[in-house]
Amino acid sequence: MFDTKKILILGAGLMQKPAILAAKHLGYKAVVVDANKNAVAVPLADEFYPVDLKDREALLELAKTLSKKGCLKGVFTAGTDFSASVSFVAENLGLPAHNFEAALNASDKVRMRACFEKEGVPSPKFIELTEDSLSKIGEIEFPKVVKPCDNMGGRGCRLIRNQDEFQTSVTTAIKNSRTSRAIFEDYMEGAEFSIDSVVYNGTLTITGFADRHIFYPPYFIEMGHSLPSRVDSKIKNELIATFALGIKALGLTCGVAKADIKYTKNGPMIGEIAARLSGGYMSGWTFPYSSGMNLTEEAMKIAVGQEPDYLLSNRVSLPWQPHESVKNKVQPFELYEISSTLVSAERAWLSIPGKVSKIYGLDEVKQIYGVRDVLPRVKNGDKVDFPRNNVEKCGNIIAVGINSEQAYKSAEEAISSITLRLEPNNLETEKFLDGECESDEKGFPPSAFTFCPNESASVNVGEGTKIPAGQKTIDYLPETLIPLADSLKDWNHCTLRKTLEKFDEICPNHAELDGKTFWSAVLRGGIQGALYIADNIES
């Protein structure tokens, strides 16, 4: 009977929405658990239980209750840290999933690196750090990267460029770890990619291969991804081969796996592999748009013991083309791929520090050709900051096109058309516009527009000038900036000219503006800096 088939889904955030909808489409009741009873996808659940996803025993007890009634058919998650909780429950109840030890290998970065090291899979050299072990570290050769051992979204992850940045960076990473441990590893220089896949009956099928767009050191902020990747096919095949070897080293055999992986001067190197579908809108949005396949449904079929029939009938074979560094390794899986016929472009928008007073453009950008989704994360009254991790961004746009040029253009046009206006008289905004930064974050946050090697020179642009009240600012653009009006772009893909056009539209009746103050704010904070200066005068 329809009402007796249930799937236990871990997580009720936006990233789990495709899983809940997939369960319903496959004819199952979605039993959803999350510690946050107000999570955005809770209303979609057929049944909801407020259970902490870290509490494996509580999850197992709930699952046993469902199983005794004969209705629990599978356990699933996507875009969470808790694939090990899925495997723990599934293994105890004899349901399909990666085995628990393998899932732990893919959840804890120290265990993961140790598996790669043992099997000779390329990844950075590393050590484990705790508060007690910090004093025992000898001489360090920088740069290094520090990460919590067991967290996602880039929280607590950063580049350490010198000794002055070491202590606070490692302490922050340890605090962001559920087990108070950090991994301290060599920095990998190179282009970065995301890969989604399905591991099934000795085969590995690539279900998404994307370029990642990472910015703003010392942090690693993903400002979007593009799918399919535009990387050379030889490099792509080498990356896939290394990914396959990494999956084998972790022991993943039944379900899904995703990787963050780089191509360095020494070839592919794995950042991490997780035993779950990707977050960041890739598995549930951009890949289905580009390929036509509902990846979440195919993965869920495996979780309930069904054959992923759509995947099996639509995949194409891939060659085994390993990089020189792993050419002596045995091919662990038959390799396949689901091809993409369209291009998906996901892009994020962000804000300078402050508090949101008004948001412009969210409805208008939905009308831009190719835009599929407008996904804001903040609203009026929310505190915002320049992101230090991937959960502090202000929202995302997803656009689709028949080619890269079309998809990228649509996504970036949409991002550039959204404006967050900040409340005046805010200390954090003032500090940002004044160019203040922490001693261990030199150069961060960056300015919206940089037009000369010595960025500090920008504060003198417009010195001694005034912009009369109510006059269009574009007409008073300093001579130094005129040649750059259409080439300079800020973090949100907005040109200097468009920035001023937006200001003149939003704030046509502004008071007289001091040239040096206004242009400094524009170059440092973009449209938000310009509006903030005008609003401060009004207030």
Protein backbone atom coordinates (compact mmCIF):
# COMPACT_ATOMS: atom_id res chain seq x y z
CA MET A 1 0.00 0.00 0.00
CA PHE A 2 1.11 3.55 -0.74
CA ASP A 3 0.82 4.66 2.87
CA THR A 4 3.02 1.85 4.21
CA LYS A 5 6.18 2.71 2.22
CA LYS A 6 8.39 5.26 3.95
CA ILE A 7 11.88 6.71 3.54
CA LEU A 8 13.72 8.27 6.46
CA ILE A 9 15.34 11.51 5.22
CA LEU A 10 18.01 13.19 7.33
CA GLY A 11 17.81 16.97 7.16
CA ALA A 12 15.04 19.46 6.44
CA GLY A 13 16.98 22.37 4.95
CA LEU A 14 16.69 23.65 1.40
CA MET A 15 19.31 21.17 0.17
CA GLN A 16 17.01 18.33 1.28
CA LYS A 17 13.96 19.61 -0.60
CA PRO A 18 14.77 17.58 -3.76
CA ALA A 19 15.06 14.43 -1.62
CA ILE A 20 11.65 14.95 -0.02
CA LEU A 21 10.06 15.60 -3.40
CA ALA A 22 11.85 12.59 -4.91
CA ALA A 23 10.50 10.31 -2.18
CA LYS A 24 6.95 11.43 -2.90
CA HIS A 25 7.40 11.06 -6.66
CA LEU A 26 8.64 7.49 -6.19
CA GLY A 27 5.56 6.68 -4.13
CA TYR A 28 7.02 6.81 -0.60
CA LYS A 29 6.08 8.80 2.47
CA ALA A 30 8.86 11.20 3.47
CA VAL A 31 9.71 10.83 7.15
CA VAL A 32 12.01 13.78 7.83
CA VAL A 33 14.22 14.44 10.85
CA ASP A 34 16.13 17.57 11.81
CA ALA A 35 17.12 19.26 15.07
CA ASN A 36 15.56 22.47 13.73
CA LYS A 37 11.79 22.13 13.74
CA ASN A 38 11.55 25.42 11.80
CA ALA A 39 13.79 24.28 8.92
CA VAL A 40 12.54 25.43 5.54
CA ALA A 41 11.55 22.00 4.16
CA VAL A 42 9.68 20.78 7.27
CA PRO A 43 6.25 21.65 5.77
CA LEU A 44 6.96 19.30 2.86
CA ALA A 45 7.42 16.28 5.13
CA ASP A 46 4.72 13.65 5.49
CA GLU A 47 6.01 13.07 9.00
CA PHE A 48 8.54 15.16 10.92
CA TYR A 49 10.54 14.35 14.06
CA PRO A 50 12.86 16.81 15.82
CA VAL A 51 15.95 14.61 16.15
CA ASP A 52 19.56 15.79 16.20
CA LEU A 53 21.29 14.27 13.17
CA LYS A 54 24.41 13.65 15.27
CA ASP A 55 22.42 11.40 17.61
CA ARG A 56 22.77 8.09 15.77
CA GLU A 57 21.17 6.01 18.52
CA ALA A 58 18.05 8.22 18.55
CA LEU A 59 17.85 8.00 14.76
CA LEU A 60 18.17 4.22 14.98
CA GLU A 61 15.40 3.97 17.56
CA LEU A 62 13.08 5.98 15.33
CA ALA A 63 14.03 3.82 12.36
CA LYS A 64 13.41 0.63 14.35
CA THR A 65 9.95 1.87 15.24
CA LEU A 66 9.18 2.46 11.58
CA SER A 67 10.77 -0.86 10.62
CA LYS A 68 8.67 -2.83 13.12
CA LYS A 69 5.62 -1.58 11.29
CA GLY A 70 7.14 -2.96 8.10
CA CYS A 71 7.09 0.39 6.33
CA LEU A 72 10.70 1.68 6.39
CA LYS A 73 12.32 0.99 3.02
CA GLY A 74 15.41 3.19 3.07
CA VAL A 75 17.47 5.94 4.72
CA PHE A 76 18.77 8.95 2.80
CA THR A 77 20.46 12.34 3.00
CA ALA A 78 21.80 14.96 0.59
CA GLY A 79 23.82 18.08 1.29
CA THR A 80 24.42 17.34 4.99
CA ASP A 81 27.41 16.23 7.08
CA PHE A 82 25.59 13.10 8.21
CA SER A 83 26.12 10.34 5.66
CA ALA A 84 27.67 8.29 8.48
CA SER A 85 24.40 8.54 10.41
CA VAL A 86 22.60 7.20 7.32
CA SER A 87 25.00 4.24 7.09
CA PHE A 88 24.78 3.56 10.82
CA VAL A 89 21.00 3.23 10.68
CA ALA A 90 20.96 1.36 7.36
CA GLU A 91 23.62 -1.14 8.43
CA ASN A 92 21.80 -1.94 11.67
CA LEU A 93 18.56 -2.54 9.79
CA GLY A 94 19.97 -4.34 6.75
CA LEU A 95 19.07 -1.54 4.33
CA PRO A 96 21.16 -0.61 1.27
CA ALA A 97 23.95 1.96 1.89
CA HIS A 98 27.71 2.33 2.09
CA ASN A 99 28.97 0.39 5.10
CA PHE A 100 29.37 2.40 8.30
CA GLU A 101 33.18 2.26 8.45
CA ALA A 102 33.45 3.52 4.87
CA ALA A 103 31.02 6.33 5.63
CA LEU A 104 33.14 7.31 8.64
CA ASN A 105 36.19 7.36 6.36
CA ALA A 106 34.34 9.81 4.13
CA SER A 107 33.11 11.96 7.03
CA ASP A 108 36.30 12.56 9.02
CA LYS A 109 39.06 14.32 7.08
CA VAL A 110 41.88 12.77 9.12
CA ARG A 111 40.58 9.23 8.49
CA MET A 112 40.05 10.17 4.85
CA ARG A 113 43.61 11.44 4.35
CA ALA A 114 44.99 8.36 6.11
CA CYS A 115 43.08 6.10 3.70
CA PHE A 116 44.41 8.02 0.71
CA GLU A 117 47.95 7.94 2.07
CA LYS A 118 47.79 4.18 2.67
CA GLU A 119 46.56 3.46 -0.85
CA GLY A 120 48.79 5.99 -2.61
CA VAL A 121 45.94 8.25 -3.78
CA PRO A 122 47.21 11.82 -4.37
CA SER A 123 46.14 14.23 -1.62
CA PRO A 124 47.93 16.80 0.53
CA LYS A 125 50.34 15.87 3.30
CA PHE A 126 48.68 16.49 6.66
CA ILE A 127 48.75 16.31 10.43
CA GLU A 128 45.93 16.29 12.97
CA LEU A 129 45.72 19.18 15.44
CA THR A 130 44.00 19.67 18.79
CA GLU A 131 44.38 22.46 21.33
CA ASP A 132 46.81 20.24 23.26
CA SER A 133 49.02 19.51 20.27
CA LEU A 134 49.55 23.08 19.01
CA SER A 135 52.65 23.65 21.10
CA LYS A 136 54.29 20.49 19.72
CA ILE A 137 54.42 21.65 16.09
CA GLY A 138 57.92 22.35 14.85
CA GLU A 139 58.99 24.70 12.09
CA ILE A 140 56.26 25.29 9.50
CA GLU A 141 56.67 25.97 5.80
CA PHE A 142 53.82 28.17 4.58
CA PRO A 143 51.31 28.38 2.98
CA LYS A 144 49.17 25.75 4.70
CA VAL A 145 45.44 25.07 4.92
CA VAL A 146 43.51 24.33 8.11
CA LYS A 147 40.04 22.74 8.27
CA PRO A 148 37.79 21.25 10.92
CA CYS A 149 37.96 17.45 10.69
CA ASP A 150 34.20 17.07 10.45
CA ASN A 151 32.35 20.07 9.04
CA MET A 152 31.17 21.31 5.64
CA GLY A 153 30.38 24.64 3.99
CA GLY A 154 33.91 25.96 4.46
CA ARG A 155 33.25 26.84 8.12
CA GLY A 156 36.57 27.23 9.90
CA CYS A 157 38.52 26.52 6.71
CA ARG A 158 41.19 28.96 5.52
CA LEU A 159 44.61 29.50 4.04
CA ILE A 160 47.41 30.24 6.52
CA ARG A 161 50.01 32.39 4.78
CA ASN A 162 52.45 33.06 7.61
CA GLN A 163 53.14 32.48 11.30
CA ASP A 164 51.08 35.52 12.36
CA GLU A 165 47.94 33.85 11.00
CA PHE A 166 48.58 30.43 12.52
CA GLN A 167 47.21 30.55 16.07
CA THR A 168 43.84 32.21 15.48
CA SER A 169 43.21 30.20 12.31
CA VAL A 170 43.82 26.83 13.92
CA THR A 171 41.84 27.76 17.03
CA THR A 172 38.88 28.78 14.86
CA ALA A 173 39.04 25.51 12.91
CA ILE A 174 39.10 23.46 16.12
CA LYS A 175 36.10 25.40 17.48
CA ASN A 176 34.17 24.60 14.28
CA SER A 177 34.80 20.87 14.69
CA ARG A 178 32.23 18.69 16.46
CA THR A 179 35.13 16.66 17.86
CA SER A 180 37.46 19.63 18.55
CA ARG A 181 40.02 18.51 15.96
CA ALA A 182 41.48 20.17 12.89
CA ILE A 183 43.45 18.95 9.92
CA PHE A 184 46.54 20.95 8.95
CA GLU A 185 47.72 20.28 5.42
CA ASP A 186 49.73 21.48 2.43
CA TYR A 187 48.04 23.99 0.15
CA MET A 188 47.09 22.70 -3.29
CA GLU A 189 47.52 25.27 -6.06
CA GLY A 190 45.36 24.62 -9.09
CA ALA A 191 41.95 24.70 -10.77
CA GLU A 192 39.18 23.18 -8.64
CA PHE A 193 36.28 20.95 -9.65
CA SER A 194 33.23 19.29 -8.09
CA ILE A 195 32.23 15.76 -9.09
CA ASP A 196 29.03 13.88 -8.23
CA SER A 197 28.74 10.16 -8.84
CA VAL A 198 26.76 6.98 -8.27
CA VAL A 199 28.55 3.85 -7.03
CA TYR A 200 26.55 0.76 -7.96
CA ASN A 201 27.38 -2.93 -8.54
CA GLY A 202 31.06 -2.36 -9.23
CA THR A 203 30.45 0.61 -11.53
CA LEU A 204 31.07 4.33 -11.07
CA THR A 205 28.85 6.73 -13.01
CA ILE A 206 29.78 10.42 -13.09
CA THR A 207 26.60 12.44 -12.55
CA GLY A 208 27.97 15.96 -12.69
CA PHE A 209 31.41 17.43 -13.32
CA ALA A 210 31.59 21.16 -12.61
CA ASP A 211 34.09 24.00 -12.55
CA ARG A 212 34.20 25.64 -9.10
CA HIS A 213 34.76 29.40 -8.87
CA ILE A 214 36.70 30.05 -5.64
CA PHE A 215 37.76 33.52 -4.44
CA TYR A 216 38.84 35.80 -1.57
CA PRO A 217 41.89 34.46 0.24
CA PRO A 218 42.64 33.63 2.95
CA TYR A 219 39.19 32.03 2.73
CA PHE A 220 37.81 29.73 0.04
CA ILE A 221 34.49 31.26 -0.97
CA GLU A 222 32.70 29.48 -3.80
CA MET A 223 31.03 32.22 -5.82
CA GLY A 224 29.41 29.64 -8.05
CA HIS A 225 29.91 26.62 -10.24
CA SER A 226 29.45 25.91 -13.94
CA LEU A 227 28.28 22.60 -15.33
CA PRO A 228 29.45 20.89 -17.46
CA SER A 229 33.08 21.83 -16.95
CA ARG A 230 35.05 23.42 -19.78
CA VAL A 231 38.23 21.58 -18.80
CA ASP A 232 40.21 19.62 -21.40
CA SER A 233 38.95 16.02 -21.76
CA LYS A 234 42.36 14.52 -20.95
CA ILE A 235 42.54 16.41 -17.66
CA LYS A 236 38.93 15.53 -16.91
CA ASN A 237 39.60 11.81 -17.39
CA GLU A 238 42.68 11.99 -15.18
CA LEU A 239 40.64 13.68 -12.45
CA ILE A 240 37.91 11.03 -12.71
CA ALA A 241 40.46 8.22 -12.47
CA THR A 242 41.95 9.71 -9.29
CA PHE A 243 38.43 10.20 -7.89
CA ALA A 244 37.66 6.53 -8.57
CA LEU A 245 40.81 5.46 -6.74
CA GLY A 246 39.83 7.67 -3.81
CA ILE A 247 36.37 6.10 -3.62
CA LYS A 248 37.96 2.65 -3.60
CA ALA A 249 40.43 3.68 -0.87
CA LEU A 250 37.58 4.82 1.37
CA GLY A 251 35.63 1.61 0.80
CA LEU A 252 32.49 3.19 -0.69
CA THR A 253 30.50 0.58 -2.61
CA CYS A 254 26.76 1.28 -2.57
CA GLY A 255 25.25 4.73 -3.05
CA VAL A 256 26.69 8.06 -4.02
CA ALA A 257 29.98 9.91 -3.67
CA LYS A 258 31.03 13.50 -4.34
CA ALA A 259 34.46 15.06 -4.59
CA ASP A 260 36.16 18.41 -4.38
CA ILE A 261 39.32 17.90 -6.40
CA LYS A 262 42.09 20.05 -7.90
CA TYR A 263 44.39 19.75 -10.88
CA THR A 264 47.82 20.86 -9.69
CA LYS A 265 51.25 21.05 -11.35
CA ASN A 266 51.70 17.44 -10.19
CA GLY A 267 48.34 16.31 -11.54
CA PRO A 268 45.04 15.56 -9.74
CA MET A 269 44.87 15.88 -5.94
CA ILE A 270 41.79 15.14 -3.88
CA GLY A 271 40.52 17.78 -1.49
CA GLU A 272 37.80 15.57 -0.07
CA ILE A 273 35.32 12.85 -0.94
CA ALA A 274 31.95 12.62 0.81
CA ALA A 275 29.51 9.70 0.84
CA ARG A 276 26.52 11.83 -0.13
CA LEU A 277 25.13 13.96 -2.91
CA SER A 278 26.62 17.44 -3.17
CA GLY A 279 25.11 20.55 -1.67
CA GLY A 280 25.54 23.94 -3.26
CA TYR A 281 22.59 23.36 -5.64
CA MET A 282 24.56 20.96 -7.86
CA SER A 283 22.93 17.56 -7.36
CA GLY A 284 19.39 18.86 -6.89
CA TRP A 285 19.34 21.75 -9.35
CA THR A 286 22.14 22.43 -11.85
CA PHE A 287 22.86 18.83 -12.89
CA PRO A 288 19.20 17.87 -13.42
CA TYR A 289 18.74 21.07 -15.47
CA SER A 290 21.75 20.31 -17.67
CA SER A 291 21.25 16.55 -18.08
CA GLY A 292 17.51 15.99 -17.77
CA MET A 293 18.09 13.28 -15.12
CA ASN A 294 16.72 13.52 -11.60
CA LEU A 295 19.88 12.45 -9.79
CA THR A 296 18.23 12.46 -6.37
CA GLU A 297 15.59 9.99 -7.52
CA GLU A 298 18.17 7.63 -9.03
CA ALA A 299 20.25 7.71 -5.83
CA MET A 300 17.14 7.17 -3.73
CA LYS A 301 16.21 4.09 -5.76
CA ILE A 302 19.46 2.48 -4.65
CA ALA A 303 18.69 3.42 -1.02
CA VAL A 304 15.40 1.49 -1.18
CA GLY A 305 16.82 -1.51 -3.04
CA GLN A 306 15.54 -0.64 -6.51
CA GLU A 307 17.61 -0.55 -9.68
CA PRO A 308 18.48 2.97 -10.90
CA ASP A 309 16.97 2.18 -14.28
CA TYR A 310 17.09 5.65 -15.83
CA LEU A 311 20.76 6.01 -14.92
CA LEU A 312 21.67 2.57 -16.25
CA SER A 313 19.91 3.07 -19.58
CA ASN A 314 21.23 6.58 -20.28
CA ARG A 315 24.88 6.44 -19.22
CA VAL A 316 27.80 6.27 -21.64
CA SER A 317 31.13 4.52 -21.11
CA LEU A 318 34.24 6.47 -20.12
CA PRO A 319 37.87 5.45 -20.78
CA TRP A 320 40.31 4.70 -17.97
CA GLN A 321 42.98 7.40 -18.45
CA PRO A 322 44.90 7.85 -15.20
CA HIS A 323 47.52 10.51 -14.63
CA GLU A 324 51.18 9.52 -14.54
CA SER A 325 51.12 9.70 -10.74
CA VAL A 326 48.67 6.75 -10.47
CA LYS A 327 49.24 4.87 -13.74
CA ASN A 328 50.33 1.73 -11.85
CA LYS A 329 47.02 1.47 -9.99
CA VAL A 330 44.40 -1.11 -10.92
CA GLN A 331 41.17 0.29 -12.34
CA PRO A 332 38.66 -0.12 -9.46
CA PHE A 333 35.37 0.45 -11.31
CA GLU A 334 33.83 0.36 -14.75
CA LEU A 335 33.48 4.06 -15.58
CA TYR A 336 30.40 5.75 -17.02
CA GLU A 337 28.93 9.23 -17.32
CA ILE A 338 25.55 10.88 -17.72
CA SER A 339 26.05 13.55 -20.37
CA SER A 340 24.77 17.12 -20.20
CA THR A 341 23.07 18.76 -23.19
CA LEU A 342 22.54 22.19 -21.58
CA VAL A 343 24.80 24.43 -19.50
CA SER A 344 23.92 25.39 -15.91
CA ALA A 345 25.52 28.37 -14.19
CA GLU A 346 25.09 28.90 -10.45
CA ARG A 347 26.33 32.23 -9.09
CA ALA A 348 26.22 33.73 -5.58
CA TRP A 349 25.79 37.32 -4.46
CA LEU A 350 27.26 38.79 -1.31
CA SER A 351 27.27 41.89 0.86
CA ILE A 352 29.62 44.13 2.77
CA PRO A 353 29.14 44.11 6.58
CA GLY A 354 26.03 45.74 7.99
CA LYS A 355 22.30 45.29 8.44
CA VAL A 356 19.87 44.99 5.52
CA SER A 357 17.23 47.70 5.23
CA LYS A 358 15.88 46.92 1.75
CA ILE A 359 16.48 44.51 -1.13
CA TYR A 360 15.96 45.53 -4.75
CA GLY A 361 15.65 43.44 -7.90
CA LEU A 362 14.59 39.98 -6.67
CA ASP A 363 11.35 39.94 -8.66
CA GLU A 364 12.80 41.66 -11.72
CA VAL A 365 15.65 39.19 -12.21
CA LYS A 366 13.20 36.31 -12.49
CA GLN A 367 12.28 37.75 -15.90
CA ILE A 368 15.85 37.59 -17.26
CA TYR A 369 16.12 35.05 -20.04
CA GLY A 370 17.60 31.76 -18.84
CA VAL A 371 17.14 32.36 -15.11
CA ARG A 372 15.60 29.29 -13.47
CA ASP A 373 15.94 30.02 -9.75
CA VAL A 374 16.38 33.06 -7.52
CA LEU A 375 17.36 31.82 -4.05
CA PRO A 376 17.81 34.58 -1.44
CA ARG A 377 19.30 33.72 1.94
CA VAL A 378 18.76 37.05 3.71
CA LYS A 379 15.84 39.42 4.23
CA ASN A 380 15.21 42.91 5.54
CA GLY A 381 16.58 43.33 9.06
CA ASP A 382 19.18 40.56 8.77
CA LYS A 383 22.79 41.16 9.76
CA VAL A 384 25.19 40.48 6.91
CA ASP A 385 28.95 40.21 6.55
CA PHE A 386 31.49 39.65 3.82
CA PRO A 387 31.58 35.82 3.78
CA ARG A 388 34.30 33.83 5.48
CA ASN A 389 32.57 30.56 4.58
CA ASN A 390 29.97 29.29 2.14
CA VAL A 391 26.97 29.66 4.43
CA GLU A 392 27.41 33.44 4.81
CA LYS A 393 26.59 34.35 1.22
CA CYS A 394 23.40 36.33 0.59
CA GLY A 395 21.82 34.26 -2.12
CA ASN A 396 22.19 32.34 -5.37
CA ILE A 397 21.03 32.52 -8.97
CA ILE A 398 20.80 29.53 -11.29
CA ALA A 399 20.60 30.11 -15.02
CA VAL A 400 20.51 27.63 -17.90
CA GLY A 401 21.53 28.09 -21.53
CA ILE A 402 22.34 26.18 -24.68
CA ASN A 403 25.99 27.14 -24.27
CA SER A 404 28.36 28.54 -21.66
CA GLU A 405 28.25 32.10 -22.97
CA GLN A 406 24.47 32.29 -22.71
CA ALA A 407 24.18 30.63 -19.28
CA TYR A 408 27.02 32.62 -17.69
CA LYS A 409 25.71 35.92 -19.09
CA SER A 410 22.19 35.32 -17.76
CA ALA A 411 23.40 34.35 -14.29
CA GLU A 412 25.81 37.27 -13.97
CA GLU A 413 23.30 39.79 -15.31
CA ALA A 414 20.85 38.60 -12.67
CA ILE A 415 23.39 38.81 -9.86
CA SER A 416 24.42 42.34 -10.90
CA SER A 417 20.80 43.48 -10.82
CA ILE A 418 20.23 42.64 -7.14
CA THR A 419 20.99 45.34 -4.57
CA LEU A 420 21.11 45.09 -0.79
CA ARG A 421 20.71 48.50 0.86
CA LEU A 422 22.15 48.71 4.37
CA GLU A 423 20.99 50.65 7.40
CA PRO A 424 22.97 53.87 8.09
CA ASN A 425 25.14 54.54 11.13
CA ASN A 426 26.47 51.02 11.46
CA LEU A 427 29.90 50.52 13.03
CA GLU A 428 30.69 47.37 11.04
CA THR A 429 29.88 49.08 7.76
CA GLU A 430 31.99 52.09 8.76
CA LYS A 431 34.96 49.88 9.59
CA PHE A 432 34.72 48.12 6.25
CA LEU A 433 34.51 51.37 4.26
CA ASP A 434 37.49 52.70 6.21
CA GLY A 435 39.48 49.68 5.00
CA GLU A 436 40.02 48.12 8.42
CA CYS A 437 41.04 44.47 8.57
CA GLU A 438 42.10 42.03 11.26
CA SER A 439 45.81 41.47 11.80
CA ASP A 440 45.50 37.84 10.64
CA GLU A 441 43.37 38.71 7.57
CA LYS A 442 45.59 41.04 5.59
CA GLY A 443 43.86 42.11 2.39
CA PHE A 444 40.48 40.79 3.51
CA PRO A 445 37.74 41.74 2.88
CA PRO A 446 38.76 43.02 -0.56
CA SER A 447 37.47 46.20 -2.17
CA ALA A 448 34.64 46.09 -4.67
CA PHE A 449 36.72 47.78 -7.36
CA THR A 450 40.51 47.73 -7.59
CA PHE A 451 41.95 49.79 -10.41
CA CYS A 452 45.61 50.32 -9.53
CA PRO A 453 48.46 48.31 -7.97
CA ASN A 454 48.42 50.49 -4.87
CA GLU A 455 44.80 50.16 -3.79
CA SER A 456 45.20 52.79 -1.06
CA ALA A 457 45.53 55.41 -3.80
CA SER A 458 41.83 55.00 -4.55
CA VAL A 459 40.90 56.90 -1.37
CA ASN A 460 42.12 60.13 -2.97
CA VAL A 461 39.94 59.87 -6.08
CA GLY A 462 37.61 62.86 -6.27
CA GLU A 463 39.47 64.82 -3.61
CA GLY A 464 38.35 68.46 -3.49
CA THR A 465 35.22 67.84 -5.61
CA LYS A 466 31.49 67.91 -4.88
CA ILE A 467 28.50 66.20 -6.46
CA PRO A 468 25.58 68.69 -6.30
CA ALA A 469 22.35 67.60 -4.63
CA GLY A 470 19.99 65.71 -6.92
CA GLN A 471 22.52 65.45 -9.77
CA LYS A 472 23.32 62.20 -11.53
CA THR A 473 26.56 60.81 -10.14
CA ILE A 474 27.49 59.24 -13.48
CA ASP A 475 27.97 62.77 -14.83
CA TYR A 476 30.63 63.46 -12.17
CA LEU A 477 32.69 60.31 -12.66
CA PRO A 478 36.33 61.31 -12.02
CA GLU A 479 38.53 61.45 -15.10
CA THR A 480 40.73 58.65 -13.71
CA LEU A 481 37.77 56.26 -13.70
CA ILE A 482 36.10 57.13 -17.01
CA PRO A 483 38.15 54.63 -19.08
CA LEU A 484 37.32 51.91 -16.55
CA ALA A 485 33.57 52.48 -16.24
CA ASP A 486 32.63 49.44 -18.32
CA SER A 487 35.55 47.13 -17.56
CA LEU A 488 35.73 47.19 -13.77
CA LYS A 489 33.32 44.78 -12.09
CA ASP A 490 32.62 44.21 -8.40
CA TRP A 491 32.08 40.91 -6.58
CA ASN A 492 28.49 40.80 -7.88
CA HIS A 493 29.46 41.25 -11.57
CA CYS A 494 28.29 44.88 -11.54
CA THR A 495 30.30 47.35 -13.61
CA LEU A 496 31.23 50.76 -12.26
CA ARG A 497 28.84 52.36 -14.76
CA LYS A 498 25.93 50.13 -13.75
CA THR A 499 26.71 50.83 -10.08
CA LEU A 500 26.27 54.55 -10.63
CA GLU A 501 23.18 54.06 -12.78
CA LYS A 502 21.62 51.99 -9.98
CA PHE A 503 22.49 54.66 -7.42
CA ASP A 504 20.98 57.43 -9.58
CA GLU A 505 17.78 55.40 -9.96
CA ILE A 506 17.46 54.41 -6.29
CA CYS A 507 18.60 57.72 -4.83
CA PRO A 508 17.71 60.52 -7.30
CA ASN A 509 17.14 63.15 -4.60
CA HIS A 510 20.41 62.71 -2.70
CA ALA A 511 22.00 65.56 -0.76
CA GLU A 512 25.26 67.16 -1.84
CA LEU A 513 28.01 64.54 -1.76
CA ASP A 514 31.66 65.09 -0.92
CA GLY A 515 33.59 63.69 -3.88
CA LYS A 516 36.43 62.08 -1.98
CA THR A 517 34.08 60.40 0.53
CA PHE A 518 31.62 59.22 -2.12
CA TRP A 519 34.11 57.82 -4.64
CA SER A 520 36.12 56.13 -1.92
CA ALA A 521 32.91 54.43 -0.71
CA VAL A 522 32.03 53.37 -4.26
CA LEU A 523 35.44 51.86 -4.94
CA ARG A 524 35.50 50.11 -1.58
CA GLY A 525 31.88 49.02 -1.22
CA GLY A 526 30.22 49.28 -4.64
CA ILE A 527 26.56 50.27 -4.77
CA GLN A 528 26.20 49.46 -1.07
CA GLY A 529 28.97 51.91 -0.18
CA ALA A 530 27.41 54.62 -2.35
CA LEU A 531 23.95 54.21 -0.83
CA TYR A 532 25.37 54.04 2.68
CA ILE A 533 27.11 57.42 2.31
CA ALA A 534 23.94 59.05 0.96
CA ASP A 535 21.75 57.48 3.66
CA ASN A 536 24.12 58.59 6.41
CA ILE A 537 23.73 62.20 5.27
CA GLU A 538 19.94 61.85 5.28
CA SER A 539 19.91 60.26 8.71
